[in-house]
C-alpha atoms as a PDB file:
ATOM      1  CA  MET A   1     126.535  41.715  19.184  1.00  0.00           C
ATOM      2  CA  GLU A   2     129.364  40.975  20.743  1.00  0.00           C
ATOM      3  CA  TYR A   3     130.583  40.634  24.528  1.00  0.00           C
ATOM      4  CA  LEU A   4     133.772  41.967  26.043  1.00  0.00           C
ATOM      5  CA  VAL A   5     134.707  40.302  29.226  1.00  0.00           C
ATOM      6  CA  ILE A   6     137.357  42.182  31.691  1.00  0.00           C
ATOM      7  CA  ASP A   7     139.165  41.057  34.867  1.00  0.00           C
ATOM      8  CA  THR A   8     142.065  43.263  36.178  1.00  0.00           C
ATOM      9  CA  GLU A   9     144.706  42.932  38.620  1.00  0.00           C
ATOM     10  CA  SER A  10     146.105  45.754  40.819  1.00  0.00           C
ATOM     11  CA  CYS A  11     150.117  45.530  42.610  1.00  0.00           C
ATOM     12  CA  THR A  12     148.461  46.905  45.976  1.00  0.00           C
ATOM     13  CA  GLY A  13     145.272  45.818  46.095  1.00  0.00           C
ATOM     14  CA  ARG A  14     144.069  49.250  46.339  1.00  0.00           C
ATOM     15  CA  ALA A  15     142.099  51.728  43.693  1.00  0.00           C
ATOM     16  CA  ASP A  16     143.487  55.152  44.718  1.00  0.00           C
ATOM     17  CA  ASP A  17     147.228  54.907  43.829  1.00  0.00           C
ATOM     18  CA  GLY A  18     147.836  54.007  39.931  1.00  0.00           C
ATOM     19  CA  SER A  19     148.264  50.364  41.062  1.00  0.00           C
ATOM     20  CA  LEU A  20     146.653  49.074  37.872  1.00  0.00           C
ATOM     21  CA  CYS A  21     149.088  46.262  36.485  1.00  0.00           C
ATOM     22  CA  SER A  22     147.086  44.360  34.178  1.00  0.00           C
ATOM     23  CA  LEU A  23     143.889  44.248  32.208  1.00  0.00           C
ATOM     24  CA  GLY A  24     142.763  40.789  30.512  1.00  0.00           C
ATOM     25  CA  TYR A  25     139.842  40.251  28.193  1.00  0.00           C
ATOM     26  CA  ALA A  26     138.215  37.836  26.003  1.00  0.00           C
ATOM     27  CA  ILE A  27     136.075  39.259  23.409  1.00  0.00           C
ATOM     28  CA  CYS A  28     132.783  36.889  22.622  1.00  0.00           C
ATOM     29  CA  ASP A  29     129.846  36.691  20.330  1.00  0.00           C
ATOM     30  CA  GLU A  30     126.255  36.357  21.422  1.00  0.00           C
ATOM     31  CA  LYS A  31     126.322  32.571  21.869  1.00  0.00           C
ATOM     32  CA  LEU A  32     129.204  33.621  24.338  1.00  0.00           C
ATOM     33  CA  ASN A  33     131.765  31.676  22.733  1.00  0.00           C
ATOM     34  CA  ILE A  34     135.255  33.055  23.085  1.00  0.00           C
ATOM     35  CA  LEU A  35     136.523  34.843  19.577  1.00  0.00           C
ATOM     36  CA  CYS A  36     139.768  36.343  21.133  1.00  0.00           C
ATOM     37  CA  GLN A  37     141.994  36.926  24.043  1.00  0.00           C
ATOM     38  CA  GLU A  38     144.543  38.777  25.326  1.00  0.00           C
ATOM     39  CA  ASP A  39     146.409  40.194  28.525  1.00  0.00           C
ATOM     40  CA  LEU A  40     147.621  44.099  29.104  1.00  0.00           C
ATOM     41  CA  LEU A  41     150.496  44.497  31.283  1.00  0.00           C
ATOM     42  CA  PHE A  42     151.009  47.534  32.506  1.00  0.00           C
ATOM     43  CA  ASN A  43     153.685  49.340  34.840  1.00  0.00           C
ATOM     44  CA  PRO A  44     152.152  50.442  37.340  1.00  0.00           C
ATOM     45  CA  MET A  45     152.910  53.618  39.517  1.00  0.00           C
ATOM     46  CA  PRO A  46     153.555  52.424  42.982  1.00  0.00           C
ATOM     47  CA  LYS A  47     157.157  51.457  43.679  1.00  0.00           C
ATOM     48  CA  ARG A  48     156.783  48.275  45.328  1.00  0.00           C
ATOM     49  CA  PHE A  49     154.278  44.970  44.648  1.00  0.00           C
ATOM     50  CA  GLN A  50     152.218  44.253  47.966  1.00  0.00           C
ATOM     51  CA  VAL A  51     150.073  41.812  46.005  1.00  0.00           C
ATOM     52  CA  GLY A  52     150.896  39.284  43.564  1.00  0.00           C
ATOM     53  CA  ASP A  53     154.440  38.808  43.949  1.00  0.00           C
ATOM     54  CA  LYS A  54     156.437  35.588  44.976  1.00  0.00           C
ATOM     55  CA  LYS A  55     157.424  37.512  48.348  1.00  0.00           C
ATOM     56  CA  ASN A  56     153.888  38.451  49.241  1.00  0.00           C
ATOM     57  CA  ALA A  57     152.364  35.396  48.285  1.00  0.00           C
ATOM     58  CA  LYS A  58     152.589  33.704  51.948  1.00  0.00           C
ATOM     59  CA  ARG A  59     150.582  37.167  53.328  1.00  0.00           C
ATOM     60  CA  THR A  60     147.923  37.351  50.579  1.00  0.00           C
ATOM     61  CA  GLY A  61     147.668  33.993  49.091  1.00  0.00           C
ATOM     62  CA  ILE A  62     148.140  35.564  45.484  1.00  0.00           C
ATOM     63  CA  THR A  63     150.732  34.895  42.696  1.00  0.00           C
ATOM     64  CA  PHE A  64     150.201  36.890  39.625  1.00  0.00           C
ATOM     65  CA  ALA A  65     151.275  34.820  36.064  1.00  0.00           C
ATOM     66  CA  TYR A  66     154.054  37.046  35.929  1.00  0.00           C
ATOM     67  CA  SER A  67     157.483  38.283  37.696  1.00  0.00           C
ATOM     68  CA  VAL A  68     157.662  41.746  38.688  1.00  0.00           C
ATOM     69  CA  GLU A  69     160.296  42.090  36.128  1.00  0.00           C
ATOM     70  CA  GLU A  70     157.580  41.557  33.568  1.00  0.00           C
ATOM     71  CA  PHE A  71     155.479  44.247  34.419  1.00  0.00           C
ATOM     72  CA  ARG A  72     158.189  46.565  34.894  1.00  0.00           C
ATOM     73  CA  LYS A  73     158.952  46.264  31.240  1.00  0.00           C
ATOM     74  CA  ALA A  74     155.639  46.454  30.123  1.00  0.00           C
ATOM     75  CA  PRO A  75     154.368  50.050  28.876  1.00  0.00           C
ATOM     76  CA  LYS A  76     152.774  52.339  31.558  1.00  0.00           C
ATOM     77  CA  PHE A  77     149.156  52.415  31.110  1.00  0.00           C
ATOM     78  CA  CYS A  78     148.657  55.777  29.133  1.00  0.00           C
ATOM     79  CA  ASP A  79     150.551  54.216  26.389  1.00  0.00           C
ATOM     80  CA  THR A  80     147.982  51.358  25.831  1.00  0.00           C
ATOM     81  CA  TYR A  81     144.956  53.911  26.585  1.00  0.00           C
ATOM     82  CA  SER A  82     143.688  54.524  23.372  1.00  0.00           C
ATOM     83  CA  LYS A  83     143.325  50.341  22.284  1.00  0.00           C
ATOM     84  CA  ILE A  84     141.860  49.953  25.785  1.00  0.00           C
ATOM     85  CA  LYS A  85     139.001  52.369  24.845  1.00  0.00           C
ATOM     86  CA  ASP A  86     138.241  50.663  21.747  1.00  0.00           C
ATOM     87  CA  LEU A  87     137.961  47.522  22.909  1.00  0.00           C
ATOM     88  CA  PHE A  88     134.973  48.838  24.648  1.00  0.00           C
ATOM     89  CA  LYS A  89     132.878  50.301  21.717  1.00  0.00           C
ATOM     90  CA  GLY A  90     129.890  48.739  20.691  1.00  0.00           C
ATOM     91  CA  ARG A  91     130.442  45.817  23.147  1.00  0.00           C
ATOM     92  CA  THR A  92     128.190  44.740  26.271  1.00  0.00           C
ATOM     93  CA  VAL A  93     130.586  44.672  28.910  1.00  0.00           C
ATOM     94  CA  LEU A  94     130.744  41.466  31.510  1.00  0.00           C
ATOM     95  CA  GLY A  95     132.870  40.468  34.441  1.00  0.00           C
ATOM     96  CA  PHE A  96     133.086  38.670  37.498  1.00  0.00           C
ATOM     97  CA  SER A  97     132.545  41.088  40.658  1.00  0.00           C
ATOM     98  CA  MET A  98     133.161  43.933  38.830  1.00  0.00           C
ATOM     99  CA  SER A  99     133.250  46.613  41.341  1.00  0.00           C
ATOM    100  CA  ASN A 100     137.086  46.503  41.853  1.00  0.00           C
ATOM    101  CA  ASP A 101     137.365  45.925  37.884  1.00  0.00           C
ATOM    102  CA  VAL A 102     135.578  49.815  37.690  1.00  0.00           C
ATOM    103  CA  LYS A 103     137.786  51.068  40.358  1.00  0.00           C
ATOM    104  CA  TYR A 104     140.946  50.407  39.329  1.00  0.00           C
ATOM    105  CA  LEU A 105     140.059  50.899  35.720  1.00  0.00           C
ATOM    106  CA  ASN A 106     138.878  54.599  36.788  1.00  0.00           C
ATOM    107  CA  ASP A 107     141.714  55.158  39.002  1.00  0.00           C
ATOM    108  CA  ALA A 108     144.515  54.496  36.379  1.00  0.00           C
ATOM    109  CA  CYS A 109     142.501  57.008  33.886  1.00  0.00           C
ATOM    110  CA  ASP A 110     142.622  59.264  36.972  1.00  0.00           C
ATOM    111  CA  LYS A 111     146.229  58.853  37.615  1.00  0.00           C
ATOM    112  CA  TYR A 112     147.028  59.577  33.996  1.00  0.00           C
ATOM    113  CA  SER A 113     144.714  62.911  33.707  1.00  0.00           C
ATOM    114  CA  LEU A 114     142.988  60.640  30.760  1.00  0.00           C
ATOM    115  CA  LYS A 115     138.966  60.751  30.364  1.00  0.00           C
ATOM    116  CA  ARG A 116     137.320  57.637  32.053  1.00  0.00           C
ATOM    117  CA  ILE A 117     135.935  55.064  29.827  1.00  0.00           C
ATOM    118  CA  ASP A 118     131.857  55.003  29.375  1.00  0.00           C
ATOM    119  CA  TYR A 119     130.375  51.543  29.639  1.00  0.00           C
ATOM    120  CA  LYS A 120     127.599  49.946  30.674  1.00  0.00           C
ATOM    121  CA  PHE A 121     128.455  45.977  31.936  1.00  0.00           C
ATOM    122  CA  TYR A 122     126.617  42.735  34.034  1.00  0.00           C
ATOM    123  CA  ASP A 123     128.228  41.290  36.915  1.00  0.00           C
ATOM    124  CA  ILE A 124     128.300  37.511  36.041  1.00  0.00           C
ATOM    125  CA  GLN A 125     128.711  37.115  39.877  1.00  0.00           C
ATOM    126  CA  TYR A 126     125.275  38.937  40.531  1.00  0.00           C
ATOM    127  CA  ILE A 127     123.632  36.539  38.145  1.00  0.00           C
ATOM    128  CA  TYR A 128     124.908  33.817  40.033  1.00  0.00           C
ATOM    129  CA  GLN A 129     123.441  35.003  43.185  1.00  0.00           C
ATOM    130  CA  LEU A 130     120.016  35.771  41.597  1.00  0.00           C
ATOM    131  CA  MET A 131     119.953  32.114  40.158  1.00  0.00           C
ATOM    132  CA  HIS A 132     121.194  30.590  43.607  1.00  0.00           C
ATOM    133  CA  PRO A 133     120.030  33.053  46.561  1.00  0.00           C
ATOM    134  CA  ASP A 134     121.041  30.394  48.967  1.00  0.00           C
ATOM    135  CA  GLU A 135     124.550  30.052  48.177  1.00  0.00           C
ATOM    136  CA  SER A 136     127.008  31.679  50.321  1.00  0.00           C
ATOM    137  CA  ALA A 137     130.304  30.145  48.237  1.00  0.00           C
ATOM    138  CA  ILE A 138     130.181  32.482  45.011  1.00  0.00           C
ATOM    139  CA  GLY A 139     133.691  33.396  44.371  1.00  0.00           C
ATOM    140  CA  LEU A 140     135.374  32.932  40.974  1.00  0.00           C
ATOM    141  CA  LYS A 141     137.779  29.466  41.826  1.00  0.00           C
ATOM    142  CA  THR A 142     135.119  27.878  44.018  1.00  0.00           C
ATOM    143  CA  LEU A 143     132.451  28.007  41.201  1.00  0.00           C
ATOM    144  CA  ASN A 144     135.115  27.168  38.390  1.00  0.00           C
ATOM    145  CA  GLU A 145     135.824  24.070  40.503  1.00  0.00           C
ATOM    146  CA  LYS A 146     132.045  23.317  40.901  1.00  0.00           C
ATOM    147  CA  TYR A 147     131.429  23.377  36.891  1.00  0.00           C
ATOM    148  CA  SER A 148     135.087  22.248  35.905  1.00  0.00           C
ATOM    149  CA  VAL A 149     136.230  25.497  34.131  1.00  0.00           C
ATOM    150  CA  GLU A 150     139.742  25.349  33.774  1.00  0.00           C
ATOM    151  CA  TYR A 151     141.897  28.757  34.035  1.00  0.00           C
ATOM    152  CA  LEU A 152     144.907  29.806  35.433  1.00  0.00           C
ATOM    153  CA  ALA A 153     144.087  32.176  38.196  1.00  0.00           C
ATOM    154  CA  HIS A 154     145.066  35.595  38.371  1.00  0.00           C
ATOM    155  CA  ARG A 155     146.365  36.199  35.230  1.00  0.00           C
ATOM    156  CA  SER A 156     143.860  38.592  33.943  1.00  0.00           C
ATOM    157  CA  ASP A 157     142.672  37.410  30.450  1.00  0.00           C
ATOM    158  CA  GLU A 158     142.876  33.865  31.697  1.00  0.00           C
ATOM    159  CA  ASP A 159     140.158  34.969  34.893  1.00  0.00           C
ATOM    160  CA  ALA A 160     138.200  37.194  32.275  1.00  0.00           C
ATOM    161  CA  ALA A 161     137.863  33.522  29.841  1.00  0.00           C
ATOM    162  CA  GLY A 162     137.025  31.708  33.102  1.00  0.00           C
ATOM    163  CA  SER A 163     134.518  33.783  33.924  1.00  0.00           C
ATOM    164  CA  VAL A 164     132.837  33.856  30.770  1.00  0.00           C
ATOM    165  CA  MET A 165     132.926  29.977  30.353  1.00  0.00           C
ATOM    166  CA  LEU A 166     131.699  29.884  33.671  1.00  0.00           C
ATOM    167  CA  LEU A 167     128.495  31.651  33.054  1.00  0.00           C
ATOM    168  CA  LYS A 168     128.207  29.708  29.911  1.00  0.00           C
ATOM    169  CA  LYS A 169     128.068  26.481  31.667  1.00  0.00           C
ATOM    170  CA  PHE A 170     125.789  27.882  34.719  1.00  0.00           C
ATOM    171  CA  LEU A 171     123.315  28.776  32.392  1.00  0.00           C
ATOM    172  CA  GLU A 172     123.250  25.777  30.423  1.00  0.00           C
ATOM    173  CA  ALA A 173     122.878  23.810  33.417  1.00  0.00           C
ATOM    174  CA  GLU A 174     119.923  25.647  34.510  1.00  0.00           C
ATOM    175  CA  GLY A 175     118.404  25.411  30.709  1.00  0.00           C
ATOM    176  CA  THR A 176     118.456  28.884  29.681  1.00  0.00           C
ATOM    177  CA  THR A 177     120.336  31.748  27.747  1.00  0.00           C
ATOM    178  CA  PHE A 178     122.001  34.836  29.076  1.00  0.00           C
ATOM    179  CA  LYS A 179     118.801  36.796  27.025  1.00  0.00           C
ATOM    180  CA  GLU A 180     116.200  34.861  28.990  1.00  0.00           C
ATOM    181  CA  VAL A 181     117.967  36.042  32.642  1.00  0.00           C
ATOM    182  CA  VAL A 182     117.960  39.166  32.133  1.00  0.00           C
ATOM    183  CA  LYS A 183     114.672  39.419  31.200  1.00  0.00           C
ATOM    184  CA  LYS A 184     113.489  37.121  33.941  1.00  0.00           C
ATOM    185  CA  TYR A 185     115.264  38.975  36.577  1.00  0.00           C
ATOM    186  CA  LYS A 186     114.592  42.253  34.976  1.00  0.00           C
ATOM    187  CA  LEU A 187     118.397  43.121  35.143  1.00  0.00           C
ATOM    188  CA  HIS A 188     119.542  46.632  35.015  1.00  0.00           C
ATOM    189  CA  ARG A 189     122.909  47.064  33.818  1.00  0.00           C
ATOM    190  CA  GLY A 190     125.737  48.887  35.808  1.00  0.00           C
ATOM    191  CA  VAL A 191     126.924  52.041  34.691  1.00  0.00           C
ATOM    192  CA  ASN A 192     130.305  53.749  34.755  1.00  0.00           C
ATOM    193  CA  SER A 193     130.634  57.416  33.367  1.00  0.00           C
ATOM    194  CA  GLN A 194     132.707  60.402  34.041  1.00  0.00           C
ATOM    195  CA  ASP A 195     130.639  61.015  36.991  1.00  0.00           C
ATOM    196  CA  GLY A 196     130.977  57.751  38.750  1.00  0.00           C
ATOM    197  CA  TYR A 197     129.383  54.664  38.360  1.00  0.00           C
ATOM    198  CA  TYR A 198     126.483  52.301  40.011  1.00  0.00           C
ATOM    199  CA  VAL A 199     126.551  48.609  39.563  1.00  0.00           C
ATOM    200  CA  CYS A 200     124.093  46.034  38.121  1.00  0.00           C
ATOM    201  CA  TYR A 201     120.776  45.700  40.025  1.00  0.00           C
ATOM    202  CA  SER A 202     117.710  43.375  39.865  1.00  0.00           C
ATOM    203  CA  ASP A 203     113.818  44.777  39.638  1.00  0.00           C
ATOM    204  CA  ALA A 204     113.193  41.267  40.462  1.00  0.00           C
ATOM    205  CA  VAL A 205     114.721  41.980  43.672  1.00  0.00           C
ATOM    206  CA  ILE A 206     112.989  45.364  44.686  1.00  0.00           C
ATOM    207  CA  GLU A 207     109.491  43.737  43.589  1.00  0.00           C
ATOM    208  CA  GLY A 208     110.139  40.252  45.907  1.00  0.00           C
ATOM    209  CA  LEU A 209     109.880  38.195  42.522  1.00  0.00           C
ATOM    210  CA  HIS A 210     111.412  34.349  42.777  1.00  0.00           C
ATOM    211  CA  GLY A 211     111.228  34.349  46.387  1.00  0.00           C
ATOM    212  CA  LEU A 212     114.232  37.141  46.223  1.00  0.00           C
ATOM    213  CA  LYS A 213     114.502  39.548  49.134  1.00  0.00           C
ATOM    214  CA  ILE A 214     116.657  42.796  49.527  1.00  0.00           C
ATOM    215  CA  SER A 215     119.931  42.182  52.062  1.00  0.00           C
ATOM    216  CA  LYS A 216     119.590  42.642  55.037  1.00  0.00           C
ATOM    217  CA  ARG A 217     122.066  45.840  54.709  1.00  0.00           C
ATOM    218  CA  ILE A 218     119.956  47.186  51.701  1.00  0.00           C
ATOM    219  CA  GLN A 219     117.096  46.808  54.477  1.00  0.00           C
ATOM    220  CA  SER A 220     118.736  48.955  56.973  1.00  0.00           C
ATOM    221  CA  TYR A 221     118.725  51.570  54.631  1.00  0.00           C
ATOM    222  CA  VAL A 222     115.041  51.441  53.683  1.00  0.00           C
ATOM    223  CA  PHE A 223     114.202  51.479  57.327  1.00  0.00           C
ATOM    224  CA  ALA A 224     116.492  54.522  57.945  1.00  0.00           C
ATOM    225  CA  ASP A 225     114.787  56.255  55.254  1.00  0.00           C
ATOM    226  CA  TYR A 226     111.204  55.496  56.833  1.00  0.00           C
ATOM    227  CA  LEU A 227     112.223  56.767  60.581  1.00  0.00           C
ATOM    228  CA  LYS A 228     112.863  60.105  58.716  1.00  0.00           C
ATOM    229  CA  ASN A 229     109.637  60.259  57.616  1.00  0.00           C
ATOM    230  CA  LEU A 230     107.476  59.322  60.573  1.00  0.00           C
ATOM    231  CA  PRO A 231     104.934  61.798  61.591  1.00  0.00           C
ATOM    232  CA  TYR A 232     104.882  64.114  64.630  1.00  0.00           C
ATOM    233  CA  VAL A 233     102.914  63.410  67.324  1.00  0.00           C
ATOM    234  CA  GLN A 234     102.491  66.071  70.007  1.00  0.00           C
ATOM    235  CA  LYS A 235     100.680  64.244  72.721  1.00  0.00           C
ATOM    236  CA  PRO A 236     101.593  60.322  72.436  1.00  0.00           C
ATOM    237  CA  LEU A 237     100.021  57.983  74.700  1.00  0.00           C
ATOM    238  CA  GLU A 238     103.089  55.687  74.584  1.00  0.00           C
ATOM    239  CA  ARG A 239     106.689  55.662  73.313  1.00  0.00           C
ATOM    240  CA  ILE A 240     107.804  52.728  72.128  1.00  0.00           C
ATOM    241  CA  CYS A 241     111.633  51.171  71.372  1.00  0.00           C
ATOM    242  CA  PHE A 242     112.644  47.835  69.688  1.00  0.00           C
ATOM    243  CA  SER A 243     115.283  45.755  70.728  1.00  0.00           C
ATOM    244  CA  ALA A 244     118.288  46.105  67.928  1.00  0.00           C
ATOM    245  CA  LYS A 245     117.444  42.535  67.003  1.00  0.00           C
ATOM    246  CA  ILE A 246     113.684  43.219  66.570  1.00  0.00           C
ATOM    247  CA  GLU A 247     114.574  45.809  64.109  1.00  0.00           C
ATOM    248  CA  LYS A 248     116.683  43.763  61.977  1.00  0.00           C
ATOM    249  CA  MET A 249     114.212  40.957  61.602  1.00  0.00           C
ATOM    250  CA  ASP A 250     112.295  42.181  58.230  1.00  0.00           C
ATOM    251  CA  VAL A 251     111.954  45.614  57.324  1.00  0.00           C
ATOM    252  CA  SER A 252     108.179  45.422  56.520  1.00  0.00           C
ATOM    253  CA  PHE A 253     107.430  43.644  59.419  1.00  0.00           C
ATOM    254  CA  THR A 254     108.966  46.258  61.688  1.00  0.00           C
ATOM    255  CA  ARG A 255     107.299  48.817  59.555  1.00  0.00           C
ATOM    256  CA  THR A 256     103.747  47.306  59.812  1.00  0.00           C
ATOM    257  CA  LEU A 257     104.651  47.249  63.977  1.00  0.00           C
ATOM    258  CA  ILE A 258     105.289  50.775  63.711  1.00  0.00           C
ATOM    259  CA  ASP A 259     102.389  52.208  61.533  1.00  0.00           C
ATOM    260  CA  LEU A 260     100.382  50.237  64.413  1.00  0.00           C
ATOM    261  CA  CYS A 261     101.840  52.410  66.958  1.00  0.00           C
ATOM    262  CA  TYR A 262     100.488  55.487  64.961  1.00  0.00           C
ATOM    263  CA  GLU A 263      97.094  54.492  64.747  1.00  0.00           C
ATOM    264  CA  LYS A 264      96.791  54.114  68.253  1.00  0.00           C
ATOM    265  CA  ASN A 265      98.543  57.232  68.868  1.00  0.00           C
ATOM    266  CA  PHE A 266     101.795  55.957  69.945  1.00  0.00           C
ATOM    267  CA  VAL A 267     105.367  57.059  68.923  1.00  0.00           C
ATOM    268  CA  TYR A 268     108.465  54.787  67.904  1.00  0.00           C
ATOM    269  CA  ASP A 269     111.312  56.758  69.773  1.00  0.00           C
ATOM    270  CA  HIS A 270     115.241  55.468  70.439  1.00  0.00           C
ATOM    271  CA  ASP A 271     115.414  58.133  73.607  1.00  0.00           C
ATOM    272  CA  THR A 272     115.543  55.416  75.797  1.00  0.00           C
ATOM    273  CA  ASP A 273     115.379  58.072  78.721  1.00  0.00           C
ATOM    274  CA  LEU A 274     111.480  58.625  77.062  1.00  0.00           C
ATOM    275  CA  ILE A 275     110.360  55.611  76.171  1.00  0.00           C
ATOM    276  CA  THR A 276     107.574  53.797  78.053  1.00  0.00           C
ATOM    277  CA  VAL A 277     107.218  50.655  75.971  1.00  0.00           C
ATOM    278  CA  PHE A 278     110.548  48.453  75.644  1.00  0.00           C
ATOM    279  CA  VAL A 279     110.057  45.475  73.345  1.00  0.00           C
ATOM    280  CA  THR A 280     112.633  42.469  73.292  1.00  0.00           C
ATOM    281  CA  ASP A 281     112.625  38.854  73.485  1.00  0.00           C
ATOM    282  CA  GLU A 282     116.586  38.717  74.710  1.00  0.00           C
ATOM    283  CA  LYS A 283     116.675  38.434  78.288  1.00  0.00           C
ATOM    284  CA  GLU A 284     120.240  39.371  78.136  1.00  0.00           C
ATOM    285  CA  ASP A 285     119.651  42.459  76.535  1.00  0.00           C
ATOM    286  CA  LYS A 286     121.997  44.728  77.923  1.00  0.00           C
ATOM    287  CA  ARG A 287     119.192  47.929  77.866  1.00  0.00           C
ATOM    288  CA  ILE A 288     117.121  46.373  80.002  1.00  0.00           C
ATOM    289  CA  ALA A 289     119.765  47.083  82.648  1.00  0.00           C
ATOM    290  CA  TYR A 290     120.360  50.351  81.852  1.00  0.00           C
ATOM    291  CA  LEU A 291     116.321  50.992  81.568  1.00  0.00           C
ATOM    292  CA  ASN A 292     116.186  49.465  85.099  1.00  0.00           C
ATOM    293  CA  SER A 293     118.554  51.680  86.322  1.00  0.00           C
ATOM    294  CA  LYS A 294     116.888  54.919  85.209  1.00  0.00           C
ATOM    295  CA  GLN A 295     113.903  53.840  87.163  1.00  0.00           C
ATOM    296  CA  ILE A 296     111.228  55.087  84.761  1.00  0.00           C
ATOM    297  CA  LYS A 297     107.979  54.820  86.185  1.00  0.00           C
ATOM    298  CA  ARG A 298     105.978  53.876  83.253  1.00  0.00           C
ATOM    299  CA  LEU A 299     108.462  52.002  81.783  1.00  0.00           C
ATOM    300  CA  LYS A 300     106.803  48.522  80.877  1.00  0.00           C
ATOM    301  CA  ILE A 301     109.310  45.757  79.123  1.00  0.00           C
ATOM    302  CA  MET A 302     107.515  43.376  76.862  1.00  0.00           C
ATOM    303  CA  SER A 303     108.324  40.438  74.657  1.00  0.00           C
ATOM    304  CA  LEU A 304     107.590  40.379  70.961  1.00  0.00           C
ATOM    305  CA  ASN A 305     104.553  38.313  71.063  1.00  0.00           C
ATOM    306  CA  GLU A 306     103.231  40.055  73.657  1.00  0.00           C
ATOM    307  CA  PHE A 307     103.380  43.214  71.648  1.00  0.00           C
ATOM    308  CA  CYS A 308     102.262  42.133  68.614  1.00  0.00           C
ATOM    309  CA  LYS A 309      98.956  41.289  70.652  1.00  0.00           C
ATOM    310  CA  PHE A 310      99.251  44.839  72.601  1.00  0.00           C
ATOM    311  CA  ILE A 311      99.389  46.493  69.317  1.00  0.00           C
ATOM    312  CA  GLY A 312      96.943  44.535  67.249  1.00  0.00           C
ATOM    313  CA  TYR A 313      99.493  42.984  64.543  1.00  0.00           C
ATOM    314  CA  SER A 314      97.950  40.147  61.953  1.00  0.00           C
ATOM    315  CA  GLU A 315      99.619  40.251  58.648  1.00  0.00           C
ATOM    316  CA  ASN A 316     102.271  42.610  57.150  1.00  0.00           C
ATOM    317  CA  PHE A 317     100.862  45.979  55.226  1.00  0.00           C
ATOM    318  CA  ILE A 318     102.125  46.110  51.871  1.00  0.00           C
ATOM    319  CA  TYR A 319     104.887  48.662  51.066  1.00  0.00           C
ATOM    320  CA  SER A 320     106.405  49.746  47.582  1.00  0.00           C
ATOM    321  CA  ASP A 321     110.216  50.611  47.976  1.00  0.00           C
ATOM    322  CA  LYS A 322     111.025  50.564  44.179  1.00  0.00           C
ATOM    323  CA  GLN A 323     111.642  54.532  43.921  1.00  0.00           C
ATOM    324  CA  PHE A 324     113.578  54.554  47.133  1.00  0.00           C
ATOM    325  CA  LEU A 325     115.541  51.339  46.070  1.00  0.00           C
ATOM    326  CA  THR A 326     116.246  52.081  42.211  1.00  0.00           C
ATOM    327  CA  GLU A 327     117.683  55.945  43.396  1.00  0.00           C
ATOM    328  CA  PHE A 328     119.411  53.912  45.895  1.00  0.00           C
ATOM    329  CA  TYR A 329     121.125  51.612  43.404  1.00  0.00           C
ATOM    330  CA  LYS A 330     121.614  54.081  40.697  1.00  0.00           C
ATOM    331  CA  LYS A 331     123.048  56.661  42.972  1.00  0.00           C
ATOM    332  CA  LEU A 332     126.640  57.206  41.368  1.00  0.00           C
ATOM    333  CA  THR A 333     129.855  56.350  43.284  1.00  0.00           C
ATOM    334  CA  LYS A 334     132.977  58.785  42.460  1.00  0.00           C
END
């Protein structure tokens, strides 16, 4: 089995204007040894380079390995399309932070009315993040410096080669292999198709294995879906509302509190004109002043600790979000 590692550059940084100007690749064996690499340059559609040339370097911090003149002398993407398409055949695709690469390549196909390339891929940055969830500095340049990987930045084939060398080094540092990591974290490959794409995801994150958790951003989607399915209560005894900070603390904790409310014939409500209990730990919460100005007769303002005792909270209920999250992660992006 061979791996195709790719990286792209855009002359504008946009993925809707035919700005793909290079596709670099490295072909590797199953042990991630580089067999060959090449940088394919294209004459992009936009009349001006907004990224990558010396004139814009101070503003963008990015300088390509080639001059604008070299890109302008290169063939158009459509002239190299057949060769590019053949590279993907029968190979597992890898890349570092793949979303832009997928979008730039799809955009180039679309602009020349060419069929998009079907492939499945793993994201090296995402794999590193799974293995080191507490790290925040996970850019290619930062990680290659950390692992002493030498490469020429913003030359696509060098970025591709640097990405796979990085993968090999951090796997060796952890004493594991690529196949073992895929199995351990229950990794699903990202997919690019004629209808759109989605990025790779991990069942280990969905299931909370190895201490992994879904991000705050994804938790917000889970919570929004949960709120849509709350039951209707005709005559609730209380109408409860949490501060935004409490809502965002932990989705299982918040859902547990709300479910306990419904067990007591209370409801959860965002309409501050109707609520009877507002829960907050923020003394400067702006909504307190608003609520007080409304002079709601039954209104009680409670701390989170007071509310937990009031509602009878002891521990989080167990929720299964696998179906929702799997459908969420596999939702195609055009």
